[in-house]
N, C-alpha and C. Protein backbone atom coordinates (compact mmCIF):
# COMPACT_ATOMS: atom_id res chain seq x y z
N UNK A 1 0.82 -1.18 0.00
CA UNK A 1 0.00 0.00 0.00
C UNK A 1 0.88 1.26 0.00
N UNK A 2 1.98 1.20 0.66
CA UNK A 2 2.84 2.38 0.76
C UNK A 2 3.99 2.39 -0.26
N UNK A 3 4.06 1.36 -1.10
CA UNK A 3 5.18 1.26 -2.05
C UNK A 3 5.32 2.48 -2.95
N UNK A 4 4.26 3.01 -3.56
CA UNK A 4 4.44 4.20 -4.41
C UNK A 4 5.02 5.38 -3.63
N UNK A 5 4.60 5.54 -2.38
CA UNK A 5 5.10 6.67 -1.58
C UNK A 5 6.56 6.45 -1.18
N UNK A 6 6.94 5.19 -0.91
CA UNK A 6 8.34 4.88 -0.60
C UNK A 6 9.22 5.15 -1.81
N UNK A 7 8.77 4.71 -2.99
CA UNK A 7 9.54 4.98 -4.21
C UNK A 7 9.65 6.47 -4.48
N UNK A 8 8.58 7.21 -4.23
CA UNK A 8 8.63 8.66 -4.38
C UNK A 8 9.65 9.27 -3.42
N UNK A 9 9.66 8.81 -2.16
CA UNK A 9 10.61 9.34 -1.17
C UNK A 9 12.05 9.02 -1.55
N UNK A 10 12.34 7.79 -1.99
CA UNK A 10 13.70 7.44 -2.41
C UNK A 10 14.14 8.28 -3.60
N UNK A 11 13.27 8.44 -4.58
CA UNK A 11 13.63 9.22 -5.75
C UNK A 11 13.82 10.69 -5.39
N UNK A 12 13.03 11.18 -4.46
CA UNK A 12 13.18 12.56 -4.01
C UNK A 12 14.52 12.77 -3.32
N UNK A 13 14.93 11.81 -2.50
CA UNK A 13 16.20 11.93 -1.78
C UNK A 13 17.39 11.74 -2.71
N UNK A 14 17.32 10.72 -3.57
CA UNK A 14 18.47 10.38 -4.41
C UNK A 14 18.67 11.36 -5.55
N UNK A 15 17.60 11.66 -6.30
CA UNK A 15 17.79 12.49 -7.48
C UNK A 15 17.15 13.86 -7.38
N UNK A 16 16.45 14.13 -6.29
CA UNK A 16 15.82 15.44 -6.13
C UNK A 16 14.58 15.62 -6.99
N UNK A 17 14.10 14.55 -7.60
CA UNK A 17 12.92 14.64 -8.46
C UNK A 17 11.72 14.04 -7.78
N UNK A 18 11.01 13.20 -8.49
CA UNK A 18 9.85 12.53 -7.95
C UNK A 18 8.56 12.96 -8.59
N UNK A 19 8.64 13.84 -9.58
CA UNK A 19 7.43 14.33 -10.24
C UNK A 19 6.72 13.21 -10.99
N UNK A 20 7.47 12.32 -11.63
CA UNK A 20 6.85 11.22 -12.37
C UNK A 20 6.16 10.24 -11.43
N UNK A 21 6.73 10.01 -10.24
CA UNK A 21 6.09 9.14 -9.26
C UNK A 21 4.78 9.75 -8.77
N UNK A 22 4.76 11.06 -8.56
CA UNK A 22 3.52 11.72 -8.15
C UNK A 22 2.45 11.62 -9.23
N UNK A 23 2.85 11.75 -10.49
CA UNK A 23 1.89 11.57 -11.59
C UNK A 23 1.36 10.14 -11.61
N UNK A 24 2.22 9.17 -11.37
CA UNK A 24 1.80 7.77 -11.33
C UNK A 24 0.81 7.50 -10.21
N UNK A 25 1.06 8.07 -9.04
CA UNK A 25 0.15 7.91 -7.92
C UNK A 25 -1.19 8.56 -8.24
N UNK A 26 -1.17 9.74 -8.82
CA UNK A 26 -2.40 10.44 -9.18
C UNK A 26 -3.21 9.66 -10.22
N UNK A 27 -2.54 9.16 -11.25
CA UNK A 27 -3.23 8.41 -12.30
C UNK A 27 -3.79 7.09 -11.75
N UNK A 28 -3.05 6.42 -10.87
CA UNK A 28 -3.53 5.18 -10.27
C UNK A 28 -4.77 5.41 -9.43
N UNK A 29 -4.76 6.46 -8.61
CA UNK A 29 -5.93 6.76 -7.79
C UNK A 29 -7.13 7.16 -8.67
N UNK A 30 -6.88 7.91 -9.71
CA UNK A 30 -7.96 8.32 -10.62
C UNK A 30 -8.57 7.11 -11.32
N UNK A 31 -7.73 6.16 -11.74
CA UNK A 31 -8.22 4.95 -12.40
C UNK A 31 -9.11 4.13 -11.46
N UNK A 32 -8.64 3.87 -10.23
CA UNK A 32 -9.43 3.08 -9.29
C UNK A 32 -10.75 3.77 -8.98
N UNK A 33 -10.74 5.10 -8.84
CA UNK A 33 -11.97 5.81 -8.57
C UNK A 33 -12.94 5.71 -9.73
N UNK A 34 -12.48 5.97 -10.96
CA UNK A 34 -13.38 5.97 -12.12
C UNK A 34 -13.83 4.56 -12.51
N UNK A 35 -13.01 3.55 -12.30
CA UNK A 35 -13.34 2.19 -12.72
C UNK A 35 -14.20 1.46 -11.69
N UNK A 36 -13.93 1.66 -10.39
CA UNK A 36 -14.59 0.86 -9.37
C UNK A 36 -15.43 1.67 -8.39
N UNK A 37 -14.86 2.67 -7.77
CA UNK A 37 -15.55 3.40 -6.70
C UNK A 37 -16.77 4.17 -7.21
N UNK A 38 -16.60 4.94 -8.26
CA UNK A 38 -17.69 5.79 -8.76
C UNK A 38 -18.89 4.97 -9.22
N UNK A 39 -18.71 3.93 -10.05
CA UNK A 39 -19.89 3.17 -10.47
C UNK A 39 -20.52 2.33 -9.35
N UNK A 40 -19.71 1.71 -8.49
CA UNK A 40 -20.26 0.77 -7.51
C UNK A 40 -20.78 1.47 -6.26
N UNK A 41 -20.04 2.42 -5.73
CA UNK A 41 -20.44 3.01 -4.46
C UNK A 41 -21.27 4.28 -4.62
N UNK A 42 -21.03 5.04 -5.66
CA UNK A 42 -21.75 6.30 -5.83
C UNK A 42 -22.86 6.21 -6.86
N UNK A 43 -22.98 5.07 -7.53
CA UNK A 43 -24.07 4.85 -8.47
C UNK A 43 -23.94 5.59 -9.79
N UNK A 44 -22.75 6.01 -10.15
CA UNK A 44 -22.55 6.73 -11.40
C UNK A 44 -22.35 5.78 -12.57
N UNK A 45 -22.29 6.33 -13.78
CA UNK A 45 -22.05 5.48 -14.96
C UNK A 45 -20.61 4.98 -14.98
N UNK A 46 -20.40 3.85 -15.65
CA UNK A 46 -19.05 3.31 -15.78
C UNK A 46 -18.33 4.09 -16.88
N UNK A 47 -17.36 4.89 -16.48
CA UNK A 47 -16.68 5.79 -17.42
C UNK A 47 -15.51 5.14 -18.14
N UNK A 48 -14.90 4.12 -17.55
CA UNK A 48 -13.78 3.43 -18.18
C UNK A 48 -14.19 2.00 -18.49
N UNK A 49 -14.00 1.59 -19.74
CA UNK A 49 -14.31 0.23 -20.17
C UNK A 49 -13.05 -0.43 -20.70
N UNK A 50 -12.91 -1.73 -20.41
CA UNK A 50 -11.78 -2.49 -20.92
C UNK A 50 -12.04 -2.83 -22.38
N UNK A 51 -11.04 -2.66 -23.25
CA UNK A 51 -11.24 -3.02 -24.67
C UNK A 51 -11.61 -4.48 -24.84
N UNK A 52 -12.48 -4.77 -25.81
CA UNK A 52 -12.97 -6.13 -26.02
C UNK A 52 -11.85 -7.09 -26.42
N UNK A 53 -10.82 -6.59 -27.08
CA UNK A 53 -9.70 -7.45 -27.45
C UNK A 53 -9.03 -8.00 -26.19
N UNK A 54 -8.82 -7.16 -25.20
CA UNK A 54 -8.21 -7.63 -23.95
C UNK A 54 -9.15 -8.54 -23.17
N UNK A 55 -10.46 -8.24 -23.21
CA UNK A 55 -11.41 -9.11 -22.51
C UNK A 55 -11.52 -10.48 -23.16
N UNK A 56 -11.25 -10.58 -24.47
CA UNK A 56 -11.30 -11.89 -25.12
C UNK A 56 -10.11 -12.75 -24.68
N UNK A 57 -8.96 -12.14 -24.44
CA UNK A 57 -7.80 -12.88 -23.97
C UNK A 57 -7.82 -13.09 -22.46
N UNK A 58 -8.28 -12.10 -21.72
CA UNK A 58 -8.32 -12.15 -20.26
C UNK A 58 -9.75 -11.87 -19.79
N UNK A 59 -10.59 -12.90 -19.68
CA UNK A 59 -11.98 -12.67 -19.27
C UNK A 59 -12.05 -12.05 -17.87
N UNK A 60 -13.01 -11.14 -17.66
CA UNK A 60 -13.08 -10.44 -16.37
C UNK A 60 -13.64 -11.28 -15.25
N UNK A 61 -14.20 -12.46 -15.54
CA UNK A 61 -14.85 -13.25 -14.51
C UNK A 61 -14.10 -14.56 -14.31
N UNK A 62 -13.76 -14.82 -13.05
CA UNK A 62 -13.09 -16.07 -12.71
C UNK A 62 -13.83 -16.70 -11.55
N UNK A 63 -14.34 -17.86 -11.71
CA UNK A 63 -15.03 -18.65 -10.69
C UNK A 63 -16.06 -17.83 -9.91
N UNK A 64 -16.81 -17.00 -10.59
CA UNK A 64 -17.90 -16.28 -9.95
C UNK A 64 -17.51 -15.02 -9.23
N UNK A 65 -16.25 -14.65 -9.23
CA UNK A 65 -15.82 -13.44 -8.54
C UNK A 65 -15.42 -12.41 -9.58
N UNK A 66 -15.98 -11.20 -9.45
CA UNK A 66 -15.66 -10.15 -10.41
C UNK A 66 -15.31 -8.87 -9.66
N UNK A 67 -14.22 -8.28 -9.97
CA UNK A 67 -13.71 -7.01 -9.43
C UNK A 67 -13.78 -6.98 -7.92
N UNK A 68 -14.24 -5.90 -7.33
CA UNK A 68 -14.18 -5.72 -5.89
C UNK A 68 -15.43 -6.17 -5.17
N UNK A 69 -16.50 -6.50 -5.85
CA UNK A 69 -17.71 -6.96 -5.18
C UNK A 69 -18.75 -5.88 -5.05
N UNK A 70 -19.65 -6.07 -4.10
CA UNK A 70 -20.77 -5.16 -3.91
C UNK A 70 -20.51 -4.22 -2.75
N UNK A 71 -21.33 -3.19 -2.69
CA UNK A 71 -21.26 -2.23 -1.60
C UNK A 71 -21.80 -2.90 -0.34
N UNK A 72 -21.11 -2.76 0.81
CA UNK A 72 -21.63 -3.37 2.03
C UNK A 72 -22.95 -2.76 2.47
N UNK A 73 -23.78 -3.56 3.11
CA UNK A 73 -25.09 -3.10 3.59
C UNK A 73 -24.90 -2.10 4.74
N UNK A 74 -25.75 -1.08 4.83
CA UNK A 74 -25.62 -0.12 5.93
C UNK A 74 -25.95 -0.75 7.26
N UNK A 75 -25.38 -0.20 8.32
CA UNK A 75 -25.62 -0.70 9.67
C UNK A 75 -27.03 -0.38 10.11
N UNK A 76 -27.64 -1.27 10.89
CA UNK A 76 -28.99 -0.98 11.39
C UNK A 76 -28.95 0.14 12.43
N UNK A 77 -29.98 0.98 12.42
CA UNK A 77 -30.05 2.09 13.36
C UNK A 77 -31.40 2.09 14.06
N UNK A 78 -31.53 2.89 15.09
CA UNK A 78 -32.81 3.08 15.77
C UNK A 78 -33.23 1.86 16.55
N UNK A 79 -34.49 1.41 16.34
CA UNK A 79 -35.06 0.31 17.10
C UNK A 79 -34.35 -1.01 16.84
N UNK A 80 -33.79 -1.17 15.66
CA UNK A 80 -33.10 -2.41 15.33
C UNK A 80 -31.81 -2.56 16.12
N UNK A 81 -31.28 -1.46 16.64
CA UNK A 81 -29.97 -1.47 17.27
C UNK A 81 -30.07 -1.31 18.79
N UNK A 82 -31.26 -1.49 19.40
CA UNK A 82 -31.41 -1.33 20.84
C UNK A 82 -30.69 -2.46 21.56
N UNK A 83 -30.05 -2.11 22.68
CA UNK A 83 -29.36 -3.11 23.47
C UNK A 83 -27.98 -3.45 22.96
N UNK A 84 -27.49 -2.73 21.98
CA UNK A 84 -26.15 -3.00 21.45
C UNK A 84 -25.30 -1.74 21.56
N UNK A 85 -24.00 -1.95 21.73
CA UNK A 85 -23.11 -0.80 21.79
C UNK A 85 -22.66 -0.42 20.39
N UNK A 86 -21.77 0.56 20.28
CA UNK A 86 -21.36 1.06 18.96
C UNK A 86 -20.56 0.04 18.16
N UNK A 87 -20.02 -0.99 18.84
CA UNK A 87 -19.22 -1.99 18.14
C UNK A 87 -20.03 -3.20 17.73
N UNK A 88 -21.34 -3.19 17.99
CA UNK A 88 -22.19 -4.29 17.57
C UNK A 88 -22.44 -5.32 18.65
N UNK A 89 -21.70 -5.28 19.77
CA UNK A 89 -21.92 -6.23 20.86
C UNK A 89 -23.02 -5.76 21.79
N UNK A 90 -23.37 -6.60 22.76
CA UNK A 90 -24.42 -6.25 23.71
C UNK A 90 -23.91 -5.23 24.72
N UNK A 91 -24.79 -4.37 25.16
CA UNK A 91 -24.46 -3.40 26.19
C UNK A 91 -24.86 -4.01 27.53
N UNK A 92 -23.90 -4.60 28.23
CA UNK A 92 -24.18 -5.36 29.44
C UNK A 92 -24.23 -4.48 30.69
N UNK A 93 -23.95 -3.21 30.61
CA UNK A 93 -23.99 -2.34 31.78
C UNK A 93 -22.59 -2.02 32.29
N UNK A 94 -22.52 -1.33 33.44
CA UNK A 94 -21.22 -0.91 33.99
C UNK A 94 -20.46 -2.04 34.63
N UNK A 95 -21.16 -2.95 35.30
CA UNK A 95 -20.48 -4.04 35.99
C UNK A 95 -20.06 -3.64 37.38
N UNK A 96 -19.30 -4.47 38.04
CA UNK A 96 -18.85 -4.24 39.41
C UNK A 96 -17.33 -4.20 39.43
N UNK A 97 -16.79 -3.28 40.22
CA UNK A 97 -15.34 -3.18 40.36
C UNK A 97 -14.88 -4.27 41.31
N UNK A 98 -13.85 -5.03 40.94
CA UNK A 98 -13.33 -6.10 41.77
C UNK A 98 -12.34 -5.56 42.81
N UNK A 99 -12.34 -6.18 43.97
CA UNK A 99 -11.33 -5.85 44.99
C UNK A 99 -11.73 -4.73 45.92
N UNK A 100 -12.98 -4.30 45.96
CA UNK A 100 -13.35 -3.24 46.88
C UNK A 100 -14.37 -3.71 47.87
């Protein structure tokens, strides 16, 4: 996860540059957002499509799994969440202090 930033730091220290690494990080983040995040999580149109020639050689579906999956379901709120704490477990109360 941190490899692009480490490469940017090494290049910045060694050669005083790093502009190409920053462009690579920017383009990578833009690609992931436009290809996966925007259509799946925000409900927008799919702006980037893989060329059919590449899809014929490398099919996008393998054993029923495709890309990153679906958006997770929202957490229950209100009456559905009574008796539970913020982490999803039961709210058992304060308890008793031992040793007094």
